Amino acid sequence: MKVVLQHLTKKFPSRNKKSNDEVIAVNDFNFEIPDGKLIGLLGPSGCGKSTALNLISGLIQPTSGRVFFGDDDVTSLPPENRGVGLVFQSYALYPHLTVRENILFPLQNLKGSARLSKEEMEKRVTEAAKLVQIENLMERKPGEMSGGQQQRVAIARAVVKMPRVLLLDEPLSNLDARLRLQTREEIRRIQRDTGITTVFVTHDQEEAMSISDMIVVMKDGVVQQIGKPQDVYDDPINLFVSKFLGTPPINVFDARVQNEKIYIGDEAVLDAPGARDGAVWAGVRPEGFVPDENGPFTCRLTGVEVMGRDVSVVCGHDKNAGAGAVRAIISAENRPAEGAKTVRFSLKSYKVFLFDHDTEERIRFGEFEVK
């Protein structure tokens, strides 16, 4: 089921009684979610991603704009008439019901032509349980299950109606790290097996990038960038997007362009053909550093963190604009010599991004179109 959002906006009254200013949670959201794809809504807390999800579900009504499921305008329809499946962070299972009864519950509430026979309901419940691999837990109650098992029950309950759209709001936040990894892989498998159009809300960029067909990066209610996860990582549109995606995060330096060269401090670290002179933010991905004893970029070496195949070189630099240290990810065989005080690098041009010092918008150079 294709989902189309047209100029979707949601405003809430200000909590400050002395102010009449409205809070714009979602601002002019335009997007077409392709049929059968998994879309990640990504951004920091308060960016409007959960509000956008609730607008799609019908739990809240937009201040303006329209929501379409296929060719159907569902903007005014209540959630129960939209054909959506919802999975929340809190699971929201009925504690007094067994797994079977929890999954069965939505089917028992179907009315009219949608109502199913007992045999059909039992078949649906069994299929949903097998899909999430909990068919051996059907007689347990939620209190007798782990968090990961409860989350699977919540997903089964959401998909048992075969919804047109599946909506997941921070579904992994209550799980430990290993279980998060396992469950997100299960969500991706389930989505592929069912082919249900799915919207997955998270603040965790690794989660969103690992399972999404496309990601939508949001900030302060405004969509910043939409694209395939790797495309957005490799070609961020502004400084915010570049900083939000990536682990370790991108290294940002207070830099300048002069005579088509990027200067960080007094060092000309990279050519920037076509870029105009002026102050810029220079972002360098951790994997963009190449150890080079004759390299143009020098940092103070403060430590080396061994990660097996790779090492993280931890450095200091006077022009580092980030809160932490500069981190370079290099292969273990190229690690700096023991006792070294400084380390020199060459930079991979396709891992270096320039941003306007004031607007923080991307400045393209080299093989990119200069704007």
Protein backbone atom coordinates (compact mmCIF):
# COMPACT_ATOMS: atom_id res chain seq x y z
CA MET A 1 0.00 0.00 0.00
CA LYS A 2 1.48 3.31 -1.10
CA VAL A 3 1.22 6.09 1.50
CA VAL A 4 1.28 9.73 0.38
CA LEU A 5 1.73 12.65 2.77
CA GLN A 6 0.82 16.04 1.31
CA HIS A 7 1.90 19.22 3.13
CA LEU A 8 1.27 17.52 6.45
CA THR A 9 1.50 19.96 9.36
CA LYS A 10 0.68 19.60 13.04
CA LYS A 11 0.64 22.50 15.50
CA PHE A 12 0.08 22.24 19.25
CA PRO A 13 -0.83 25.09 21.63
CA SER A 14 2.07 26.46 23.63
CA ARG A 15 2.37 25.13 27.20
CA ASN A 16 3.36 28.63 28.25
CA LYS A 17 0.05 30.26 29.21
CA LYS A 18 1.61 33.71 28.80
CA SER A 19 2.53 32.99 25.18
CA ASN A 20 0.23 32.49 22.22
CA ASP A 21 2.97 30.93 20.14
CA GLU A 22 2.15 27.51 18.74
CA VAL A 23 4.51 24.56 18.74
CA ILE A 24 4.98 23.19 15.23
CA ALA A 25 5.65 19.48 15.71
CA VAL A 26 5.54 18.58 12.00
CA ASN A 27 6.00 21.27 9.37
CA ASP A 28 4.91 20.80 5.74
CA PHE A 29 5.86 17.11 5.47
CA ASN A 30 5.71 15.89 1.85
CA PHE A 31 6.62 12.29 1.08
CA GLU A 32 5.47 9.28 -0.90
CA ILE A 33 6.15 5.96 0.83
CA PRO A 34 6.42 3.29 -1.89
CA ASP A 35 4.28 0.18 -1.65
CA GLY A 36 5.90 -2.67 0.30
CA LYS A 37 8.92 -0.72 1.56
CA LEU A 38 10.27 -0.18 5.07
CA ILE A 39 10.84 3.50 5.83
CA GLY A 40 12.80 4.74 8.83
CA LEU A 41 11.73 8.03 10.43
CA LEU A 42 14.91 9.19 12.12
CA GLY A 43 15.90 12.11 14.31
CA PRO A 44 16.63 13.28 17.85
CA SER A 45 14.01 13.39 20.59
CA GLY A 46 11.42 16.08 19.90
CA CYS A 47 12.04 16.23 16.14
CA GLY A 48 8.45 15.27 15.25
CA LYS A 49 8.93 11.68 14.07
CA SER A 50 6.40 10.13 16.49
CA THR A 51 3.92 12.90 15.71
CA ALA A 52 4.32 12.12 12.00
CA LEU A 53 3.64 8.45 12.74
CA ASN A 54 0.53 9.33 14.75
CA LEU A 55 -0.71 11.48 11.87
CA ILE A 56 -0.35 8.50 9.52
CA SER A 57 -2.16 6.24 11.99
CA GLY A 58 -5.00 8.68 12.66
CA LEU A 59 -4.33 8.86 16.41
CA ILE A 60 -4.04 12.63 15.96
CA GLN A 61 -5.50 14.87 13.26
CA PRO A 62 -3.30 17.24 11.20
CA THR A 63 -3.65 20.98 11.45
CA SER A 64 -3.37 21.00 7.66
CA GLY A 65 -2.42 18.63 4.87
CA ARG A 66 -3.69 15.27 3.68
CA VAL A 67 -2.87 11.56 4.15
CA PHE A 68 -3.56 9.06 1.35
CA PHE A 69 -3.41 5.27 1.46
CA GLY A 70 -3.16 4.42 -2.22
CA ASP A 71 -5.79 6.61 -3.88
CA ASP A 72 -7.93 6.80 -0.72
CA ASP A 73 -7.92 10.02 1.30
CA VAL A 74 -7.86 8.73 4.89
CA THR A 75 -7.18 12.10 6.58
CA SER A 76 -10.51 12.11 8.42
CA LEU A 77 -10.76 8.37 9.08
CA PRO A 78 -10.25 7.06 12.65
CA PRO A 79 -7.41 4.57 13.20
CA GLU A 80 -9.70 1.53 13.30
CA ASN A 81 -10.93 2.30 9.78
CA ARG A 82 -7.53 2.94 8.20
CA GLY A 83 -6.26 -0.61 8.23
CA VAL A 84 -3.11 0.11 10.21
CA GLY A 85 -1.18 -2.09 12.62
CA LEU A 86 0.51 -0.31 15.52
CA VAL A 87 3.44 -1.44 17.66
CA PHE A 88 4.52 0.79 20.53
CA GLN A 89 7.61 1.02 22.71
CA SER A 90 5.60 -0.17 25.72
CA TYR A 91 4.24 -3.34 23.98
CA ALA A 92 0.75 -2.60 25.47
CA LEU A 93 -0.15 -6.27 25.92
CA TYR A 94 -3.09 -7.38 28.06
CA PRO A 95 -1.44 -8.94 31.16
CA HIS A 96 -4.40 -11.19 32.02
CA LEU A 97 -4.58 -12.74 28.54
CA THR A 98 -2.38 -15.48 27.10
CA VAL A 99 -0.25 -14.95 24.00
CA ARG A 100 -2.92 -16.62 21.90
CA GLU A 101 -5.65 -14.41 23.36
CA ASN A 102 -3.57 -11.25 22.88
CA ILE A 103 -3.00 -12.02 19.22
CA LEU A 104 -6.63 -13.06 18.74
CA PHE A 105 -8.09 -9.94 20.34
CA PRO A 106 -7.97 -7.62 17.25
CA LEU A 107 -9.71 -10.27 15.12
CA GLN A 108 -12.54 -10.64 17.63
CA ASN A 109 -13.31 -6.94 17.21
CA LEU A 110 -13.73 -7.08 13.44
CA LYS A 111 -17.29 -6.25 12.40
CA GLY A 112 -19.52 -6.56 9.38
CA SER A 113 -18.05 -8.03 6.20
CA ALA A 114 -14.59 -8.11 7.78
CA ARG A 115 -15.68 -10.50 10.52
CA LEU A 116 -13.99 -13.93 10.40
CA SER A 117 -15.12 -17.40 11.40
CA LYS A 118 -13.50 -19.09 14.40
CA GLU A 119 -11.55 -21.36 12.06
CA GLU A 120 -10.27 -18.41 10.04
CA MET A 121 -9.29 -16.52 13.20
CA GLU A 122 -7.42 -19.53 14.56
CA LYS A 123 -5.57 -19.92 11.27
CA ARG A 124 -4.56 -16.24 11.26
CA VAL A 125 -3.34 -16.43 14.87
CA THR A 126 -1.25 -19.52 14.14
CA GLU A 127 0.28 -17.94 11.03
CA ALA A 128 1.12 -14.72 12.90
CA ALA A 129 2.73 -16.66 15.75
CA LYS A 130 4.84 -18.68 13.32
CA LEU A 131 5.87 -15.50 11.53
CA VAL A 132 7.42 -14.09 14.71
CA GLN A 133 8.52 -17.55 15.92
CA ILE A 134 6.55 -17.72 19.18
CA GLU A 135 4.23 -20.64 18.35
CA ASN A 136 5.59 -22.59 21.34
CA LEU A 137 4.64 -19.80 23.78
CA MET A 138 0.95 -19.49 23.00
CA GLU A 139 -0.35 -20.38 26.48
CA ARG A 140 1.98 -18.10 28.40
CA LYS A 141 1.00 -14.72 29.75
CA PRO A 142 3.09 -11.56 29.18
CA GLY A 143 4.48 -11.59 32.73
CA GLU A 144 6.04 -14.99 32.06
CA MET A 145 7.98 -13.79 29.02
CA SER A 146 11.14 -11.81 28.29
CA GLY A 147 11.03 -8.33 26.79
CA GLY A 148 12.01 -9.65 23.38
CA GLN A 149 9.27 -12.27 23.45
CA GLN A 150 6.70 -9.67 24.48
CA GLN A 151 7.79 -7.48 21.59
CA ARG A 152 7.24 -10.38 19.20
CA VAL A 153 3.72 -10.85 20.57
CA ALA A 154 3.04 -7.14 19.99
CA ILE A 155 4.23 -7.46 16.38
CA ALA A 156 2.11 -10.59 15.84
CA ARG A 157 -0.93 -8.80 17.20
CA ALA A 158 -0.30 -5.91 14.80
CA VAL A 159 0.13 -8.05 11.68
CA VAL A 160 -2.61 -10.62 12.37
CA LYS A 161 -5.22 -8.32 10.77
CA MET A 162 -3.00 -8.09 7.66
CA PRO A 163 -2.97 -4.29 7.88
CA ARG A 164 -2.41 -2.10 4.85
CA VAL A 165 0.32 -0.23 6.77
CA LEU A 166 2.42 -1.32 9.77
CA LEU A 167 3.60 1.46 12.11
CA LEU A 168 6.37 0.87 14.67
CA ASP A 169 7.10 3.57 17.25
CA GLU A 170 10.49 3.07 18.96
CA PRO A 171 9.76 -0.69 19.25
CA LEU A 172 13.25 -1.68 20.43
CA SER A 173 13.97 0.97 23.06
CA ASN A 174 13.22 -1.30 26.03
CA LEU A 175 15.50 -4.14 24.88
CA ASP A 176 19.15 -4.75 25.71
CA ALA A 177 21.80 -4.32 23.00
CA ARG A 178 21.97 -7.93 21.81
CA LEU A 179 18.21 -8.34 21.80
CA ARG A 180 17.82 -5.07 19.90
CA LEU A 181 20.08 -6.41 17.16
CA GLN A 182 18.20 -9.71 16.98
CA THR A 183 14.76 -8.11 17.03
CA ARG A 184 15.52 -5.51 14.39
CA GLU A 185 16.68 -8.31 12.08
CA GLU A 186 13.40 -10.11 12.81
CA ILE A 187 11.40 -6.97 11.99
CA ARG A 188 13.16 -6.72 8.64
CA ARG A 189 12.52 -10.41 7.91
CA ILE A 190 8.83 -10.11 8.86
CA GLN A 191 8.42 -7.02 6.70
CA ARG A 192 9.95 -8.76 3.70
CA ASP A 193 7.89 -11.91 4.24
CA THR A 194 4.60 -10.01 4.48
CA GLY A 195 5.32 -7.19 2.02
CA ILE A 196 3.43 -4.77 4.27
CA THR A 197 4.38 -1.09 3.86
CA THR A 198 6.10 -0.27 7.15
CA VAL A 199 7.12 2.94 8.92
CA PHE A 200 9.71 2.51 11.68
CA VAL A 201 10.34 5.38 14.10
CA THR A 202 13.66 5.51 15.95
CA HIS A 203 16.26 7.93 17.29
CA ASP A 204 18.96 5.29 16.75
CA GLN A 205 20.62 5.94 13.38
CA GLU A 206 22.26 2.50 13.33
CA GLU A 207 18.86 0.82 13.64
CA ALA A 208 17.33 2.93 10.91
CA MET A 209 20.22 2.53 8.48
CA SER A 210 20.52 -1.23 8.97
CA ILE A 211 16.94 -2.24 8.12
CA SER A 212 15.34 0.61 6.15
CA ASP A 213 14.85 0.81 2.40
CA MET A 214 14.78 4.59 2.82
CA ILE A 215 15.30 6.95 5.73
CA VAL A 216 13.72 10.32 6.51
CA VAL A 217 15.94 12.50 8.70
CA MET A 218 13.98 15.09 10.70
CA LYS A 219 14.89 18.07 12.87
CA ASP A 220 12.49 20.43 14.69
CA GLY A 221 9.51 19.10 12.73
CA VAL A 222 11.16 19.69 9.35
CA VAL A 223 12.33 16.98 6.97
CA GLN A 224 16.04 17.48 6.37
CA GLN A 225 16.79 14.71 3.87
CA ILE A 226 15.16 11.63 2.35
CA GLY A 227 17.01 8.83 0.60
CA LYS A 228 18.53 5.38 0.75
CA PRO A 229 20.55 5.03 3.97
CA GLN A 230 23.94 4.71 2.28
CA ASP A 231 23.19 7.58 -0.11
CA VAL A 232 22.30 9.91 2.76
CA TYR A 233 25.43 8.88 4.66
CA ASP A 234 27.66 9.39 1.62
CA ASP A 235 26.02 12.62 0.47
CA PRO A 236 24.54 14.58 3.42
CA ILE A 237 22.66 17.73 2.52
CA ASN A 238 23.71 19.76 5.57
CA LEU A 239 25.84 19.70 8.69
CA PHE A 240 23.05 18.35 10.89
CA VAL A 241 22.51 15.27 8.72
CA SER A 242 26.25 14.61 8.47
CA LYS A 243 26.61 14.75 12.26
CA PHE A 244 23.51 12.68 12.99
CA LEU A 245 24.54 9.72 10.84
CA GLY A 246 27.64 7.70 11.55
CA THR A 247 29.33 5.81 14.39
CA PRO A 248 31.80 7.16 15.41
CA PRO A 249 30.35 10.51 14.36
CA ILE A 250 31.87 12.72 11.71
CA ASN A 251 34.78 14.94 12.78
CA VAL A 252 33.99 18.63 12.26
CA PHE A 253 36.69 21.29 11.98
CA ASP A 254 36.55 25.08 11.88
CA ALA A 255 38.20 25.59 8.51
CA ARG A 256 38.48 27.95 5.54
CA VAL A 257 38.74 27.75 1.77
CA GLN A 258 41.51 29.79 0.16
CA ASN A 259 42.57 29.58 -3.48
CA GLU A 260 40.53 26.38 -3.93
CA LYS A 261 42.25 24.63 -1.05
CA ILE A 262 40.81 23.60 2.32
CA TYR A 263 42.82 24.90 5.25
CA ILE A 264 42.46 23.52 8.75
CA GLY A 265 44.61 25.79 10.85
CA ASP A 266 47.72 26.60 8.81
CA GLU A 267 47.69 23.33 6.84
CA ALA A 268 46.26 23.00 3.32
CA VAL A 269 44.74 19.56 3.76
CA LEU A 270 42.84 19.04 0.50
CA ASP A 271 42.13 20.63 -2.88
CA ALA A 272 38.60 22.02 -3.29
CA PRO A 273 38.18 22.82 -7.01
CA GLY A 274 35.43 25.37 -7.61
CA ALA A 275 34.84 26.23 -3.94
CA ARG A 276 34.76 29.92 -3.04
CA ASP A 277 37.06 31.48 -0.50
CA GLY A 278 35.65 31.88 3.01
CA ALA A 279 35.07 30.30 6.39
CA VAL A 280 33.54 26.79 6.33
CA TRP A 281 32.89 23.78 8.48
CA ALA A 282 34.91 20.82 7.21
CA GLY A 283 33.51 17.40 8.08
CA VAL A 284 35.74 14.33 7.79
CA ARG A 285 34.29 10.85 8.24
CA PRO A 286 36.41 8.67 10.60
CA GLU A 287 37.19 6.32 7.72
CA GLY A 288 38.37 9.27 5.60
CA PHE A 289 41.82 9.46 7.22
CA VAL A 290 44.81 7.69 5.62
CA PRO A 291 47.99 7.41 7.74
CA ASP A 292 50.76 9.09 5.75
CA GLU A 293 54.08 10.20 7.22
CA ASN A 294 54.18 12.93 4.55
CA GLY A 295 50.46 13.74 4.79
CA PRO A 296 49.26 17.35 4.91
CA PHE A 297 47.14 17.05 8.07
CA THR A 298 48.73 16.81 11.50
CA CYS A 299 47.02 15.89 14.79
CA ARG A 300 48.21 15.36 18.35
CA LEU A 301 48.07 11.66 19.14
CA THR A 302 46.30 10.99 22.44
CA GLY A 303 45.48 7.28 22.21
CA VAL A 304 44.81 4.20 20.11
CA GLU A 305 41.75 2.00 20.70
CA VAL A 306 42.10 -1.53 19.32
CA MET A 307 38.91 -2.91 17.73
CA GLY A 308 40.31 -6.08 16.20
CA ARG A 309 40.64 -5.68 12.45
CA ASP A 310 40.59 -1.88 12.76
CA VAL A 311 41.88 0.61 15.29
CA SER A 312 40.50 3.98 16.33
CA VAL A 313 43.19 6.65 16.45
CA VAL A 314 42.18 9.26 19.01
CA CYS A 315 43.62 12.70 18.36
CA GLY A 316 43.47 16.31 19.44
CA HIS A 317 43.36 19.36 17.17
CA ASP A 318 42.94 23.06 17.96
CA LYS A 319 40.35 23.51 15.18
CA ASN A 320 38.20 20.56 16.21
CA ALA A 321 34.66 21.93 16.52
CA GLY A 322 33.22 18.82 18.17
CA ALA A 323 32.71 18.16 21.86
CA GLY A 324 35.02 15.14 21.90
CA ALA A 325 38.28 14.05 20.36
CA VAL A 326 39.05 13.57 16.68
CA ARG A 327 38.66 9.89 15.74
CA ALA A 328 40.19 8.20 12.72
CA ILE A 329 39.35 4.58 11.84
CA ILE A 330 42.31 2.87 10.15
CA SER A 331 43.45 -0.71 9.57
CA ALA A 332 45.35 -2.31 12.45
CA GLU A 333 48.56 -2.76 10.46
CA ASN A 334 48.79 1.02 9.91
CA ARG A 335 48.53 1.96 13.58
CA PRO A 336 50.88 4.75 14.75
CA ALA A 337 54.28 3.88 16.20
CA GLU A 338 54.34 3.38 19.95
CA GLY A 339 55.40 6.55 21.74
CA ALA A 340 54.51 8.87 18.84
CA LYS A 341 53.32 12.34 19.85
CA THR A 342 51.75 13.32 16.55
CA VAL A 343 50.22 11.53 13.59
CA ARG A 344 49.94 12.73 9.99
CA PHE A 345 47.17 11.91 7.54
CA SER A 346 46.13 12.30 3.96
CA LEU A 347 42.36 12.72 3.49
CA LYS A 348 40.03 10.87 1.14
CA SER A 349 38.29 13.61 -0.84
CA TYR A 350 34.96 11.70 -1.03
CA LYS A 351 34.89 11.46 2.77
CA VAL A 352 35.35 15.21 3.29
CA PHE A 353 32.32 17.52 3.24
CA LEU A 354 32.20 21.33 3.36
CA PHE A 355 29.37 23.31 4.93
CA ASP A 356 28.59 27.00 4.95
CA HIS A 357 29.77 28.53 8.22
CA ASP A 358 26.48 30.40 8.74
CA THR A 359 23.70 28.37 7.11
CA GLU A 360 25.40 24.96 7.62
CA GLU A 361 24.21 23.97 4.13
CA ARG A 362 26.44 21.75 2.01
CA ILE A 363 29.06 23.34 -0.26
CA ARG A 364 29.89 20.98 -3.09
CA PHE A 365 33.29 20.86 -4.74
CA GLY A 366 35.40 18.66 -6.96
CA GLU A 367 33.36 15.89 -8.59
CA PHE A 368 30.20 17.36 -7.05
CA GLU A 369 28.38 20.23 -8.71
CA VAL A 370 29.56 23.47 -7.10
CA LYS A 371 26.67 25.53 -5.72
